[in-house]
Amino acid sequence: MEAFKGLQKSLTNLGGQITPFASRTIQYTKEQLGQAEDKTQMPPDYIDLEKRVDALKAVHQKMLAVTSQYASESYDYPANLKETFQDLGRTVQEKVSLLSSATSPAEAQAALTAPPSHKPQPKTFPHAIARASLASSQVLHQTHTGAGEDPLATALEKYALAMERIGEARLAQDAQIQSRFLAGWNTTLNTNIMFATRARKAVEKARLTLDAVKARVKGTTWRLPGTGPRDHHDDHHELSPEAQEEIEKAEDEFVTQTEEAAGVMRNVLESPEPLRNLAELVAAQMEFHKKAHEILSELAPIIDGLQVEQEASRASAFSLH
């Protein structure tokens, strides 16, 4: 037992000589082993701020895990679709323009497979539908033998043009979401909340330092497991002026760091940016759906008209028989 007491005394004396980092490490270890006494408690308001910041961080991580898809052009592109280099060569609008001047099936085919004039076309669901619709329209045109144009082929071509416009509107939406929502929420998560995290770490560092100083000057720096609790007869002994000054200095640092961290966390929580960014997300989505509705509203009467004409022509043919 005397040997244990001697070792404890040596470790206590060592506490005044080791680095602040080592002191904090020892204090942290004591707390993990349940040997820390008089651990400084954080103010309830500070703990509440920490919980709220943690909740805000979780919200940003969860939302960004989903909405980051807006940064990927092909997030709605069919996984099983196999389009060729020629399919992606020109826009539907360009192909329709070339097809309008074609005078033979060979020229029409050449128009469909014309080399690209710009970068490959976007791989989005609306663009894919547009390309498929135009190709389908040409299949019908090339096999049509009756008078006039095949109404379904005509409708598919017009649908192709409309879907390409919707695809372009989707890309415009995505660009707005990336710059006005994703950028803002990533900044909040990776900069503002990160600053708060660093400030909280500084508080924890100051607290550990304070408690390590208190433990050292009171002779409770370390206790070997199984050696029993320390004697309490000296708990209220008079501290030396030097020891009192060291504790007060550590307390001042702890209070300063706590106040600074609380201020940083309040700034993060009170920032209007996340809500403003969310409003921008909604605005971009609304603009896209509004544009898509306008395009389809223009298209629907045209296709309805082609359908009515086809049915009228079919009824007239039956009446002649």
C-alpha atoms as a PDB file:
ATOM      1  CA  MET A   1       0.000   0.000   0.000  1.00  0.00           C
ATOM      2  CA  GLU A   2       2.893   2.341   0.821  1.00  0.00           C
ATOM      3  CA  ALA A   3       4.187   1.737  -2.688  1.00  0.00           C
ATOM      4  CA  PHE A   4       0.807   2.698  -4.148  1.00  0.00           C
ATOM      5  CA  LYS A   5       0.717   5.869  -2.041  1.00  0.00           C
ATOM      6  CA  GLY A   6       4.197   6.715  -3.176  1.00  0.00           C
ATOM      7  CA  LEU A   7       3.220   6.272  -6.816  1.00  0.00           C
ATOM      8  CA  GLN A   8       0.119   8.420  -6.360  1.00  0.00           C
ATOM      9  CA  LYS A   9       2.235  11.148  -4.737  1.00  0.00           C
ATOM     10  CA  SER A  10       4.696  10.999  -7.626  1.00  0.00           C
ATOM     11  CA  LEU A  11       1.882  11.290 -10.169  1.00  0.00           C
ATOM     12  CA  THR A  12       0.409  14.206  -8.214  1.00  0.00           C
ATOM     13  CA  ASN A  13       3.738  16.008  -8.228  1.00  0.00           C
ATOM     14  CA  LEU A  14       4.140  15.215 -11.900  1.00  0.00           C
ATOM     15  CA  GLY A  15       0.803  16.907 -12.553  1.00  0.00           C
ATOM     16  CA  GLY A  16       2.377  20.279 -11.909  1.00  0.00           C
ATOM     17  CA  GLN A  17       5.107  19.639 -14.445  1.00  0.00           C
ATOM     18  CA  ILE A  18       3.354  17.972 -17.396  1.00  0.00           C
ATOM     19  CA  THR A  19       2.096  19.899 -20.387  1.00  0.00           C
ATOM     20  CA  PRO A  20      -1.438  21.355 -20.516  1.00  0.00           C
ATOM     21  CA  PHE A  21      -2.313  18.832 -23.215  1.00  0.00           C
ATOM     22  CA  ALA A  22      -1.232  15.943 -20.998  1.00  0.00           C
ATOM     23  CA  SER A  23      -3.144  17.424 -18.071  1.00  0.00           C
ATOM     24  CA  ARG A  24      -6.301  17.579 -20.133  1.00  0.00           C
ATOM     25  CA  THR A  25      -5.731  14.048 -21.369  1.00  0.00           C
ATOM     26  CA  ILE A  26      -5.393  12.762 -17.813  1.00  0.00           C
ATOM     27  CA  GLN A  27      -8.512  14.679 -16.761  1.00  0.00           C
ATOM     28  CA  TYR A  28     -10.462  13.262 -19.702  1.00  0.00           C
ATOM     29  CA  THR A  29      -9.302   9.731 -18.853  1.00  0.00           C
ATOM     30  CA  LYS A  30     -10.344  10.173 -15.223  1.00  0.00           C
ATOM     31  CA  GLU A  31     -13.804  11.270 -16.356  1.00  0.00           C
ATOM     32  CA  GLN A  32     -14.128   8.273 -18.643  1.00  0.00           C
ATOM     33  CA  LEU A  33     -13.144   5.963 -15.767  1.00  0.00           C
ATOM     34  CA  GLY A  34     -15.592   7.652 -13.395  1.00  0.00           C
ATOM     35  CA  GLN A  35     -12.795   8.968 -11.168  1.00  0.00           C
ATOM     36  CA  ALA A  36     -13.321  12.685 -11.786  1.00  0.00           C
ATOM     37  CA  GLU A  37     -14.543  14.718  -8.834  1.00  0.00           C
ATOM     38  CA  ASP A  38     -16.296  18.091  -9.008  1.00  0.00           C
ATOM     39  CA  LYS A  39     -16.577  18.118 -12.794  1.00  0.00           C
ATOM     40  CA  THR A  40     -17.525  21.586 -13.954  1.00  0.00           C
ATOM     41  CA  GLN A  41     -21.083  21.574 -15.283  1.00  0.00           C
ATOM     42  CA  MET A  42     -22.099  23.553 -18.336  1.00  0.00           C
ATOM     43  CA  PRO A  43     -24.898  26.147 -17.997  1.00  0.00           C
ATOM     44  CA  PRO A  44     -28.353  24.831 -19.055  1.00  0.00           C
ATOM     45  CA  ASP A  45     -28.669  27.563 -21.705  1.00  0.00           C
ATOM     46  CA  TYR A  46     -25.354  26.489 -23.218  1.00  0.00           C
ATOM     47  CA  ILE A  47     -26.409  22.834 -23.311  1.00  0.00           C
ATOM     48  CA  ASP A  48     -29.652  23.875 -25.028  1.00  0.00           C
ATOM     49  CA  LEU A  49     -27.670  25.767 -27.677  1.00  0.00           C
ATOM     50  CA  GLU A  50     -25.536  22.684 -28.313  1.00  0.00           C
ATOM     51  CA  LYS A  51     -28.616  20.508 -28.780  1.00  0.00           C
ATOM     52  CA  ARG A  52     -30.162  22.984 -31.200  1.00  0.00           C
ATOM     53  CA  VAL A  53     -26.969  23.259 -33.252  1.00  0.00           C
ATOM     54  CA  ASP A  54     -26.706  19.467 -33.382  1.00  0.00           C
ATOM     55  CA  ALA A  55     -30.306  19.312 -34.617  1.00  0.00           C
ATOM     56  CA  LEU A  56     -29.606  21.949 -37.285  1.00  0.00           C
ATOM     57  CA  LYS A  57     -26.544  20.000 -38.412  1.00  0.00           C
ATOM     58  CA  ALA A  58     -28.584  16.775 -38.692  1.00  0.00           C
ATOM     59  CA  VAL A  59     -31.242  18.596 -40.734  1.00  0.00           C
ATOM     60  CA  HIS A  60     -28.654  19.939 -43.179  1.00  0.00           C
ATOM     61  CA  GLN A  61     -27.023  16.545 -43.587  1.00  0.00           C
ATOM     62  CA  LYS A  62     -30.339  14.797 -44.191  1.00  0.00           C
ATOM     63  CA  MET A  63     -31.657  17.353 -46.693  1.00  0.00           C
ATOM     64  CA  LEU A  64     -28.375  17.614 -48.597  1.00  0.00           C
ATOM     65  CA  ALA A  65     -28.148  13.820 -48.861  1.00  0.00           C
ATOM     66  CA  VAL A  66     -31.268  13.995 -51.038  1.00  0.00           C
ATOM     67  CA  THR A  67     -31.189  17.392 -52.736  1.00  0.00           C
ATOM     68  CA  SER A  68     -27.557  17.030 -53.818  1.00  0.00           C
ATOM     69  CA  GLN A  69     -28.995  14.946 -56.661  1.00  0.00           C
ATOM     70  CA  TYR A  70     -29.840  18.261 -58.341  1.00  0.00           C
ATOM     71  CA  ALA A  71     -26.122  18.602 -59.023  1.00  0.00           C
ATOM     72  CA  SER A  72     -26.194  15.447 -61.168  1.00  0.00           C
ATOM     73  CA  GLU A  73     -27.613  16.046 -64.636  1.00  0.00           C
ATOM     74  CA  SER A  74     -28.737  12.444 -65.143  1.00  0.00           C
ATOM     75  CA  TYR A  75     -30.549  11.908 -61.822  1.00  0.00           C
ATOM     76  CA  ASP A  76     -33.787  10.988 -63.630  1.00  0.00           C
ATOM     77  CA  TYR A  77     -32.250   9.410 -66.738  1.00  0.00           C
ATOM     78  CA  PRO A  78     -33.487   5.828 -67.283  1.00  0.00           C
ATOM     79  CA  ALA A  79     -30.781   3.440 -66.112  1.00  0.00           C
ATOM     80  CA  ASN A  80     -31.642   0.823 -68.742  1.00  0.00           C
ATOM     81  CA  LEU A  81     -31.651   3.236 -71.684  1.00  0.00           C
ATOM     82  CA  LYS A  82     -28.904   2.768 -74.263  1.00  0.00           C
ATOM     83  CA  GLU A  83     -28.543   5.804 -76.526  1.00  0.00           C
ATOM     84  CA  THR A  84     -25.900   6.018 -79.235  1.00  0.00           C
ATOM     85  CA  PHE A  85     -23.511   8.830 -80.071  1.00  0.00           C
ATOM     86  CA  GLN A  86     -25.783   9.756 -82.961  1.00  0.00           C
ATOM     87  CA  ASP A  87     -28.825   9.838 -80.678  1.00  0.00           C
ATOM     88  CA  LEU A  88     -27.098  12.420 -78.539  1.00  0.00           C
ATOM     89  CA  GLY A  89     -25.550  14.336 -81.433  1.00  0.00           C
ATOM     90  CA  ARG A  90     -28.036  17.152 -82.025  1.00  0.00           C
ATOM     91  CA  THR A  91     -30.981  18.719 -80.307  1.00  0.00           C
ATOM     92  CA  VAL A  92     -34.494  17.671 -81.260  1.00  0.00           C
ATOM     93  CA  GLN A  93     -35.070  21.202 -82.552  1.00  0.00           C
ATOM     94  CA  GLU A  94     -32.029  20.914 -84.843  1.00  0.00           C
ATOM     95  CA  LYS A  95     -33.115  17.492 -86.104  1.00  0.00           C
ATOM     96  CA  VAL A  96     -36.635  18.710 -86.836  1.00  0.00           C
ATOM     97  CA  SER A  97     -35.180  21.622 -88.789  1.00  0.00           C
ATOM     98  CA  LEU A  98     -33.006  19.255 -90.834  1.00  0.00           C
ATOM     99  CA  LEU A  99     -35.902  16.850 -91.384  1.00  0.00           C
ATOM    100  CA  SER A 100     -38.116  19.621 -92.701  1.00  0.00           C
ATOM    101  CA  SER A 101     -35.788  20.028 -95.679  1.00  0.00           C
ATOM    102  CA  ALA A 102     -35.310  16.297 -96.346  1.00  0.00           C
ATOM    103  CA  THR A 103     -36.793  15.106 -99.636  1.00  0.00           C
ATOM    104  CA  SER A 104     -36.170  11.371 -99.329  1.00  0.00           C
ATOM    105  CA  PRO A 105     -35.998   8.660 -96.662  1.00  0.00           C
ATOM    106  CA  ALA A 106     -32.220   8.654 -97.043  1.00  0.00           C
ATOM    107  CA  GLU A 107     -31.997  12.385 -96.337  1.00  0.00           C
ATOM    108  CA  ALA A 108     -34.334  11.984 -93.374  1.00  0.00           C
ATOM    109  CA  GLN A 109     -32.127   9.261 -91.940  1.00  0.00           C
ATOM    110  CA  ALA A 110     -29.063  11.418 -92.483  1.00  0.00           C
ATOM    111  CA  ALA A 111     -30.777  14.244 -90.610  1.00  0.00           C
ATOM    112  CA  LEU A 112     -31.449  11.958 -87.650  1.00  0.00           C
ATOM    113  CA  THR A 113     -27.827  10.795 -87.492  1.00  0.00           C
ATOM    114  CA  ALA A 114     -26.143  14.102 -88.367  1.00  0.00           C
ATOM    115  CA  PRO A 115     -22.867  14.688 -86.526  1.00  0.00           C
ATOM    116  CA  PRO A 116     -23.091  16.865 -83.408  1.00  0.00           C
ATOM    117  CA  SER A 117     -22.862  20.599 -83.804  1.00  0.00           C
ATOM    118  CA  HIS A 118     -22.210  21.213 -80.090  1.00  0.00           C
ATOM    119  CA  LYS A 119     -21.616  19.137 -76.981  1.00  0.00           C
ATOM    120  CA  PRO A 120     -23.617  15.885 -76.558  1.00  0.00           C
ATOM    121  CA  GLN A 121     -27.227  16.418 -75.596  1.00  0.00           C
ATOM    122  CA  PRO A 122     -28.269  16.223 -71.929  1.00  0.00           C
ATOM    123  CA  LYS A 123     -29.075  12.891 -70.347  1.00  0.00           C
ATOM    124  CA  THR A 124     -32.306  13.808 -68.583  1.00  0.00           C
ATOM    125  CA  PHE A 125     -35.630  11.994 -68.599  1.00  0.00           C
ATOM    126  CA  PRO A 126     -37.470  14.720 -70.571  1.00  0.00           C
ATOM    127  CA  HIS A 127     -34.660  14.892 -73.142  1.00  0.00           C
ATOM    128  CA  ALA A 128     -34.677  11.102 -73.478  1.00  0.00           C
ATOM    129  CA  ILE A 129     -38.443  11.133 -74.046  1.00  0.00           C
ATOM    130  CA  ALA A 130     -37.992  13.872 -76.642  1.00  0.00           C
ATOM    131  CA  ARG A 131     -35.381  11.896 -78.566  1.00  0.00           C
ATOM    132  CA  ALA A 132     -37.444   8.704 -78.418  1.00  0.00           C
ATOM    133  CA  SER A 133     -40.566  10.578 -79.588  1.00  0.00           C
ATOM    134  CA  LEU A 134     -38.805  12.127 -82.563  1.00  0.00           C
ATOM    135  CA  ALA A 135     -37.255   8.818 -83.607  1.00  0.00           C
ATOM    136  CA  SER A 136     -40.665   7.140 -83.304  1.00  0.00           C
ATOM    137  CA  SER A 137     -42.238   9.907 -85.351  1.00  0.00           C
ATOM    138  CA  GLN A 138     -39.774   9.278 -88.161  1.00  0.00           C
ATOM    139  CA  VAL A 139     -40.437   5.531 -88.117  1.00  0.00           C
ATOM    140  CA  LEU A 140     -44.108   6.268 -88.775  1.00  0.00           C
ATOM    141  CA  HIS A 141     -43.378   8.946 -91.378  1.00  0.00           C
ATOM    142  CA  GLN A 142     -41.134   6.619 -93.339  1.00  0.00           C
ATOM    143  CA  THR A 143     -43.741   3.851 -93.484  1.00  0.00           C
ATOM    144  CA  HIS A 144     -46.753   6.114 -94.086  1.00  0.00           C
ATOM    145  CA  THR A 145     -48.299   5.562 -97.500  1.00  0.00           C
ATOM    146  CA  GLY A 146     -51.600   7.440 -97.256  1.00  0.00           C
ATOM    147  CA  ALA A 147     -52.433  10.973 -98.225  1.00  0.00           C
ATOM    148  CA  GLY A 148     -51.156  13.751 -95.988  1.00  0.00           C
ATOM    149  CA  GLU A 149     -49.171  13.096 -92.834  1.00  0.00           C
ATOM    150  CA  ASP A 150     -49.581  10.369 -90.270  1.00  0.00           C
ATOM    151  CA  PRO A 151     -51.394  12.125 -87.377  1.00  0.00           C
ATOM    152  CA  LEU A 152     -49.622  10.072 -84.701  1.00  0.00           C
ATOM    153  CA  ALA A 153     -46.243  10.834 -86.295  1.00  0.00           C
ATOM    154  CA  THR A 154     -47.074  14.531 -86.319  1.00  0.00           C
ATOM    155  CA  ALA A 155     -48.202  14.421 -82.694  1.00  0.00           C
ATOM    156  CA  LEU A 156     -45.052  12.592 -81.608  1.00  0.00           C
ATOM    157  CA  GLU A 157     -42.860  15.187 -83.303  1.00  0.00           C
ATOM    158  CA  LYS A 158     -44.652  18.037 -81.564  1.00  0.00           C
ATOM    159  CA  TYR A 159     -44.472  16.123 -78.273  1.00  0.00           C
ATOM    160  CA  ALA A 160     -40.724  15.675 -78.817  1.00  0.00           C
ATOM    161  CA  LEU A 161     -40.226  19.417 -79.229  1.00  0.00           C
ATOM    162  CA  ALA A 162     -42.281  20.122 -76.110  1.00  0.00           C
ATOM    163  CA  MET A 163     -40.412  17.582 -73.965  1.00  0.00           C
ATOM    164  CA  GLU A 164     -37.065  19.005 -75.020  1.00  0.00           C
ATOM    165  CA  ARG A 165     -38.224  22.432 -73.842  1.00  0.00           C
ATOM    166  CA  ILE A 166     -39.284  20.864 -70.544  1.00  0.00           C
ATOM    167  CA  GLY A 167     -35.887  19.207 -70.276  1.00  0.00           C
ATOM    168  CA  GLU A 168     -34.199  22.584 -70.748  1.00  0.00           C
ATOM    169  CA  ALA A 169     -36.469  24.056 -68.074  1.00  0.00           C
ATOM    170  CA  ARG A 170     -35.445  21.236 -65.731  1.00  0.00           C
ATOM    171  CA  LEU A 171     -31.783  22.025 -66.301  1.00  0.00           C
ATOM    172  CA  ALA A 172     -32.474  25.707 -65.576  1.00  0.00           C
ATOM    173  CA  GLN A 173     -34.208  24.666 -62.349  1.00  0.00           C
ATOM    174  CA  ASP A 174     -31.253  22.516 -61.349  1.00  0.00           C
ATOM    175  CA  ALA A 175     -28.791  25.339 -61.980  1.00  0.00           C
ATOM    176  CA  GLN A 176     -30.828  27.677 -59.764  1.00  0.00           C
ATOM    177  CA  ILE A 177     -31.079  25.073 -57.000  1.00  0.00           C
ATOM    178  CA  GLN A 178     -27.339  24.458 -57.093  1.00  0.00           C
ATOM    179  CA  SER A 179     -26.450  28.144 -56.789  1.00  0.00           C
ATOM    180  CA  ARG A 180     -29.266  29.336 -54.523  1.00  0.00           C
ATOM    181  CA  PHE A 181     -29.932  26.345 -52.262  1.00  0.00           C
ATOM    182  CA  LEU A 182     -27.182  23.730 -52.321  1.00  0.00           C
ATOM    183  CA  ALA A 183     -24.371  26.287 -52.144  1.00  0.00           C
ATOM    184  CA  GLY A 184     -25.999  28.039 -49.201  1.00  0.00           C
ATOM    185  CA  TRP A 185     -26.786  24.912 -47.213  1.00  0.00           C
ATOM    186  CA  ASN A 186     -23.314  23.495 -47.822  1.00  0.00           C
ATOM    187  CA  THR A 187     -21.824  26.769 -46.582  1.00  0.00           C
ATOM    188  CA  THR A 188     -23.948  26.630 -43.439  1.00  0.00           C
ATOM    189  CA  LEU A 189     -22.967  23.016 -42.798  1.00  0.00           C
ATOM    190  CA  ASN A 190     -19.295  23.144 -43.708  1.00  0.00           C
ATOM    191  CA  THR A 191     -18.470  26.677 -42.549  1.00  0.00           C
ATOM    192  CA  ASN A 192     -20.930  28.159 -40.056  1.00  0.00           C
ATOM    193  CA  ILE A 193     -21.765  24.978 -38.162  1.00  0.00           C
ATOM    194  CA  MET A 194     -18.109  23.941 -38.376  1.00  0.00           C
ATOM    195  CA  PHE A 195     -17.121  27.220 -36.684  1.00  0.00           C
ATOM    196  CA  ALA A 196     -19.603  26.427 -33.929  1.00  0.00           C
ATOM    197  CA  THR A 197     -18.105  22.951 -33.570  1.00  0.00           C
ATOM    198  CA  ARG A 198     -14.607  24.383 -33.213  1.00  0.00           C
ATOM    199  CA  ALA A 199     -15.826  26.892 -30.629  1.00  0.00           C
ATOM    200  CA  ARG A 200     -17.440  24.079 -28.648  1.00  0.00           C
ATOM    201  CA  LYS A 201     -14.192  22.108 -28.738  1.00  0.00           C
ATOM    202  CA  ALA A 202     -12.401  25.152 -27.357  1.00  0.00           C
ATOM    203  CA  VAL A 203     -14.906  25.249 -24.495  1.00  0.00           C
ATOM    204  CA  GLU A 204     -14.362  21.570 -23.733  1.00  0.00           C
ATOM    205  CA  LYS A 205     -10.614  22.146 -23.823  1.00  0.00           C
ATOM    206  CA  ALA A 206     -10.939  25.043 -21.378  1.00  0.00           C
ATOM    207  CA  ARG A 207     -13.187  23.013 -19.081  1.00  0.00           C
ATOM    208  CA  LEU A 208     -10.786  20.092 -18.987  1.00  0.00           C
ATOM    209  CA  THR A 209      -7.934  22.474 -18.246  1.00  0.00           C
ATOM    210  CA  LEU A 210      -9.896  24.093 -15.421  1.00  0.00           C
ATOM    211  CA  ASP A 211     -10.845  20.787 -13.838  1.00  0.00           C
ATOM    212  CA  ALA A 212      -7.297  19.461 -14.253  1.00  0.00           C
ATOM    213  CA  VAL A 213      -5.935  22.525 -12.446  1.00  0.00           C
ATOM    214  CA  LYS A 214      -8.474  22.167  -9.651  1.00  0.00           C
ATOM    215  CA  ALA A 215      -7.671  18.476  -9.255  1.00  0.00           C
ATOM    216  CA  ARG A 216      -3.927  19.111  -9.226  1.00  0.00           C
ATOM    217  CA  VAL A 217      -3.881  21.890  -6.672  1.00  0.00           C
ATOM    218  CA  LYS A 218      -6.167  19.829  -4.436  1.00  0.00           C
ATOM    219  CA  GLY A 219      -3.962  16.765  -4.796  1.00  0.00           C
ATOM    220  CA  THR A 220      -6.415  14.602  -6.772  1.00  0.00           C
ATOM    221  CA  THR A 221      -4.605  14.368 -10.087  1.00  0.00           C
ATOM    222  CA  TRP A 222      -4.713  10.552 -10.336  1.00  0.00           C
ATOM    223  CA  ARG A 223      -5.812   7.491  -8.400  1.00  0.00           C
ATOM    224  CA  LEU A 224      -4.953   3.904  -9.246  1.00  0.00           C
ATOM    225  CA  PRO A 225      -7.981   1.597  -9.582  1.00  0.00           C
ATOM    226  CA  GLY A 226      -8.619  -0.363  -6.394  1.00  0.00           C
ATOM    227  CA  THR A 227      -6.720   1.940  -4.068  1.00  0.00           C
ATOM    228  CA  GLY A 228      -9.909   3.381  -2.586  1.00  0.00           C
ATOM    229  CA  PRO A 229     -11.099   6.983  -2.382  1.00  0.00           C
ATOM    230  CA  ARG A 230      -8.784   9.720  -1.321  1.00  0.00           C
ATOM    231  CA  ASP A 231      -8.907  11.245   2.145  1.00  0.00           C
ATOM    232  CA  HIS A 232     -11.184  14.263   2.416  1.00  0.00           C
ATOM    233  CA  HIS A 233      -9.634  15.845   5.498  1.00  0.00           C
ATOM    234  CA  ASP A 234      -7.820  18.392   3.339  1.00  0.00           C
ATOM    235  CA  ASP A 235     -10.732  19.359   1.076  1.00  0.00           C
ATOM    236  CA  HIS A 236     -11.076  22.738   2.693  1.00  0.00           C
ATOM    237  CA  HIS A 237      -7.433  23.524   3.268  1.00  0.00           C
ATOM    238  CA  GLU A 238      -6.312  27.013   2.419  1.00  0.00           C
ATOM    239  CA  LEU A 239      -5.024  27.283  -1.132  1.00  0.00           C
ATOM    240  CA  SER A 240      -1.833  29.179  -1.761  1.00  0.00           C
ATOM    241  CA  PRO A 241      -2.130  32.532  -3.564  1.00  0.00           C
ATOM    242  CA  GLU A 242      -0.370  30.976  -6.561  1.00  0.00           C
ATOM    243  CA  ALA A 243      -2.823  28.065  -6.698  1.00  0.00           C
ATOM    244  CA  GLN A 244      -5.801  30.392  -6.304  1.00  0.00           C
ATOM    245  CA  GLU A 245      -4.478  32.589  -9.096  1.00  0.00           C
ATOM    246  CA  GLU A 246      -3.992  29.568 -11.371  1.00  0.00           C
ATOM    247  CA  ILE A 247      -7.588  28.422 -10.782  1.00  0.00           C
ATOM    248  CA  GLU A 248      -8.966  31.904 -11.402  1.00  0.00           C
ATOM    249  CA  LYS A 249      -6.987  32.185 -14.627  1.00  0.00           C
ATOM    250  CA  ALA A 250      -8.376  28.843 -15.834  1.00  0.00           C
ATOM    251  CA  GLU A 251     -11.902  29.894 -14.792  1.00  0.00           C
ATOM    252  CA  ASP A 252     -11.606  33.169 -16.723  1.00  0.00           C
ATOM    253  CA  GLU A 253     -10.480  31.291 -19.834  1.00  0.00           C
ATOM    254  CA  PHE A 254     -13.355  28.839 -19.451  1.00  0.00           C
ATOM    255  CA  VAL A 255     -15.924  31.634 -19.077  1.00  0.00           C
ATOM    256  CA  THR A 256     -14.474  33.509 -22.070  1.00  0.00           C
ATOM    257  CA  GLN A 257     -14.536  30.444 -24.313  1.00  0.00           C
ATOM    258  CA  THR A 258     -18.069  29.563 -23.178  1.00  0.00           C
ATOM    259  CA  GLU A 259     -19.378  33.047 -23.923  1.00  0.00           C
ATOM    260  CA  GLU A 260     -17.678  33.100 -27.331  1.00  0.00           C
ATOM    261  CA  ALA A 261     -19.035  29.680 -28.269  1.00  0.00           C
ATOM    262  CA  ALA A 262     -22.532  30.626 -27.130  1.00  0.00           C
ATOM    263  CA  GLY A 263     -22.348  33.708 -29.345  1.00  0.00           C
ATOM    264  CA  VAL A 264     -21.189  31.680 -32.351  1.00  0.00           C
ATOM    265  CA  MET A 265     -23.954  29.117 -31.848  1.00  0.00           C
ATOM    266  CA  ARG A 266     -26.612  31.829 -31.523  1.00  0.00           C
ATOM    267  CA  ASN A 267     -25.416  33.400 -34.764  1.00  0.00           C
ATOM    268  CA  VAL A 268     -25.717  30.056 -36.528  1.00  0.00           C
ATOM    269  CA  LEU A 269     -29.174  29.362 -35.137  1.00  0.00           C
ATOM    270  CA  GLU A 270     -30.499  32.866 -35.806  1.00  0.00           C
ATOM    271  CA  SER A 271     -29.131  33.093 -39.352  1.00  0.00           C
ATOM    272  CA  PRO A 272     -31.913  33.618 -41.925  1.00  0.00           C
ATOM    273  CA  GLU A 273     -29.850  31.958 -44.656  1.00  0.00           C
ATOM    274  CA  PRO A 274     -31.174  28.369 -44.386  1.00  0.00           C
ATOM    275  CA  LEU A 275     -34.791  29.524 -44.634  1.00  0.00           C
ATOM    276  CA  ARG A 276     -33.946  31.966 -47.410  1.00  0.00           C
ATOM    277  CA  ASN A 277     -32.176  29.176 -49.301  1.00  0.00           C
ATOM    278  CA  LEU A 278     -35.180  26.881 -48.825  1.00  0.00           C
ATOM    279  CA  ALA A 279     -37.431  29.588 -50.261  1.00  0.00           C
ATOM    280  CA  GLU A 280     -35.137  29.710 -53.306  1.00  0.00           C
ATOM    281  CA  LEU A 281     -35.438  25.929 -53.681  1.00  0.00           C
ATOM    282  CA  VAL A 282     -39.225  26.159 -53.677  1.00  0.00           C
ATOM    283  CA  ALA A 283     -39.144  29.094 -56.101  1.00  0.00           C
ATOM    284  CA  ALA A 284     -36.950  27.184 -58.557  1.00  0.00           C
ATOM    285  CA  GLN A 285     -39.194  24.121 -58.380  1.00  0.00           C
ATOM    286  CA  MET A 286     -42.303  26.246 -58.796  1.00  0.00           C
ATOM    287  CA  GLU A 287     -40.843  28.022 -61.828  1.00  0.00           C
ATOM    288  CA  PHE A 288     -39.986  24.692 -63.449  1.00  0.00           C
ATOM    289  CA  HIS A 289     -43.437  23.201 -62.893  1.00  0.00           C
ATOM    290  CA  LYS A 290     -45.057  26.429 -64.081  1.00  0.00           C
ATOM    291  CA  LYS A 291     -42.981  26.336 -67.261  1.00  0.00           C
ATOM    292  CA  ALA A 292     -43.729  22.638 -67.811  1.00  0.00           C
ATOM    293  CA  HIS A 293     -47.438  23.329 -67.326  1.00  0.00           C
ATOM    294  CA  GLU A 294     -47.335  26.152 -69.865  1.00  0.00           C
ATOM    295  CA  ILE A 295     -45.550  24.004 -72.458  1.00  0.00           C
ATOM    296  CA  LEU A 296     -47.923  21.074 -72.036  1.00  0.00           C
ATOM    297  CA  SER A 297     -50.918  23.411 -72.024  1.00  0.00           C
ATOM    298  CA  GLU A 298     -49.822  24.670 -75.442  1.00  0.00           C
ATOM    299  CA  LEU A 299     -49.286  21.124 -76.697  1.00  0.00           C
ATOM    300  CA  ALA A 300     -52.467  19.458 -75.404  1.00  0.00           C
ATOM    301  CA  PRO A 301     -54.955  21.311 -77.694  1.00  0.00           C
ATOM    302  CA  ILE A 302     -52.778  20.558 -80.724  1.00  0.00           C
ATOM    303  CA  ILE A 303     -52.711  16.832 -80.017  1.00  0.00           C
ATOM    304  CA  ASP A 304     -56.420  16.889 -79.163  1.00  0.00           C
ATOM    305  CA  GLY A 305     -57.040  18.580 -82.529  1.00  0.00           C
ATOM    306  CA  LEU A 306     -55.039  15.909 -84.363  1.00  0.00           C
ATOM    307  CA  GLN A 307     -57.052  13.242 -82.580  1.00  0.00           C
ATOM    308  CA  VAL A 308     -60.376  14.875 -83.507  1.00  0.00           C
ATOM    309  CA  GLU A 309     -59.279  15.192 -87.146  1.00  0.00           C
ATOM    310  CA  GLN A 310     -58.211  11.555 -87.256  1.00  0.00           C
ATOM    311  CA  GLU A 311     -61.505  10.377 -85.804  1.00  0.00           C
ATOM    312  CA  ALA A 312     -63.463  12.608 -88.203  1.00  0.00           C
ATOM    313  CA  SER A 313     -61.482  11.282 -91.159  1.00  0.00           C
ATOM    314  CA  ARG A 314     -62.025   7.722 -90.018  1.00  0.00           C
ATOM    315  CA  ALA A 315     -65.774   8.330 -89.592  1.00  0.00           C
ATOM    316  CA  SER A 316     -65.955   9.878 -93.054  1.00  0.00           C
ATOM    317  CA  ALA A 317     -64.178   6.893 -94.586  1.00  0.00           C
ATOM    318  CA  PHE A 318     -66.626   4.510 -92.918  1.00  0.00           C
ATOM    319  CA  SER A 319     -69.615   6.558 -94.156  1.00  0.00           C
ATOM    320  CA  LEU A 320     -68.370   6.300 -97.746  1.00  0.00           C
ATOM    321  CA  HIS A 321     -68.443   2.545 -97.431  1.00  0.00           C
END
